Amino acid sequence: MVLNIESDLAEDRGETELEDMTYYPAVVRSLMYAVLVTRPDISYAVTALSHHILQPFASYMNAAKSVLQYLKSTADF
């Protein structure tokens, strides 16, 4: 999984933090559950996303959505 996140530079690039601060942590927690129960193949991506759970930017949410899309597309594997 390629994460196009430059975590140290997100604030310097002028990105804004997410307005709804509850949705991103909920998505990351759900992904963590999936890693622990059935999907260890996404563990690196979820670990990278969980580092930014206190200060999420829009790029992190887009990366979380791409992980969800990956899970949806590989559900039959």
Protein backbone atom coordinates (compact mmCIF):
# COMPACT_ATOMS: atom_id res chain seq x y z
CA MET A 1 0.00 0.00 0.00
CA VAL A 2 1.38 3.32 -0.97
CA LEU A 3 0.42 6.14 1.33
CA ASN A 4 0.89 9.52 -0.30
CA ILE A 5 1.15 11.26 3.03
CA GLU A 6 3.96 13.55 3.97
CA SER A 7 3.06 13.67 7.63
CA ASP A 8 5.55 16.29 8.75
CA LEU A 9 4.64 18.67 5.94
CA ALA A 10 0.84 18.49 6.01
CA GLU A 11 0.55 21.58 8.16
CA ASP A 12 3.25 23.41 6.21
CA ARG A 13 1.41 22.77 2.94
CA GLY A 14 -1.54 24.72 4.26
CA GLU A 15 -3.90 21.79 4.74
CA THR A 16 -6.71 22.30 7.15
CA GLU A 17 -7.65 19.92 9.89
CA LEU A 18 -10.86 17.98 9.55
CA GLU A 19 -13.91 19.73 10.95
CA ASP A 20 -15.50 16.56 12.30
CA MET A 21 -12.82 15.17 14.59
CA THR A 22 -14.87 12.10 15.56
CA TYR A 23 -15.20 10.41 12.17
CA TYR A 24 -11.49 9.88 11.44
CA PRO A 25 -10.68 8.13 14.77
CA ALA A 26 -13.75 5.92 14.33
CA VAL A 27 -12.59 4.86 10.86
CA VAL A 28 -9.06 4.13 12.13
CA ARG A 29 -10.42 2.11 15.06
CA SER A 30 -12.55 0.07 12.67
CA LEU A 31 -9.51 -0.57 10.50
CA MET A 32 -7.51 -1.62 13.57
CA TYR A 33 -10.19 -4.16 14.38
CA ALA A 34 -9.99 -5.51 10.85
CA VAL A 35 -6.20 -5.84 11.19
CA LEU A 36 -6.48 -7.75 14.44
CA VAL A 37 -9.27 -10.07 13.35
CA THR A 38 -8.93 -10.86 9.66
CA ARG A 39 -6.73 -8.55 7.59
CA PRO A 40 -3.05 -8.35 8.64
CA ASP A 41 -2.15 -7.20 5.11
CA ILE A 42 -3.26 -3.65 5.90
CA SER A 43 -1.36 -3.36 9.18
CA TYR A 44 1.31 -0.99 7.84
CA ALA A 45 -1.24 1.42 6.39
CA VAL A 46 -3.35 1.39 9.54
CA THR A 47 -0.30 1.98 11.71
CA ALA A 48 0.66 4.98 9.57
CA LEU A 49 -2.88 6.36 9.79
CA SER A 50 -3.07 5.86 13.55
CA HIS A 51 -0.07 8.12 14.12
CA HIS A 52 -2.24 11.07 13.13
CA ILE A 53 -5.38 10.26 15.08
CA LEU A 54 -5.16 13.37 17.28
CA GLN A 55 -4.58 15.86 14.46
CA PRO A 56 -6.10 14.51 11.24
CA PHE A 57 -5.83 16.40 7.98
CA ALA A 58 -7.86 15.88 4.84
CA SER A 59 -5.04 13.90 3.19
CA TYR A 60 -5.11 11.38 6.05
CA MET A 61 -8.85 10.92 5.64
CA ASN A 62 -8.36 10.37 1.91
CA ALA A 63 -5.73 7.71 2.70
CA ALA A 64 -8.13 6.02 5.14
CA LYS A 65 -10.80 5.99 2.45
CA SER A 66 -8.37 4.37 0.03
CA VAL A 67 -7.73 1.60 2.58
CA LEU A 68 -11.48 1.09 2.90
CA GLN A 69 -11.73 0.93 -0.88
CA TYR A 70 -8.93 -1.67 -0.92
CA LEU A 71 -10.83 -3.76 1.65
CA LYS A 72 -13.99 -3.53 -0.42
CA SER A 73 -12.22 -4.57 -3.62
CA THR A 74 -10.42 -7.52 -2.01
CA ALA A 75 -13.29 -8.87 0.07
CA ASP A 76 -13.43 -12.11 -1.96
CA PHE A 77 -9.73 -12.92 -1.70
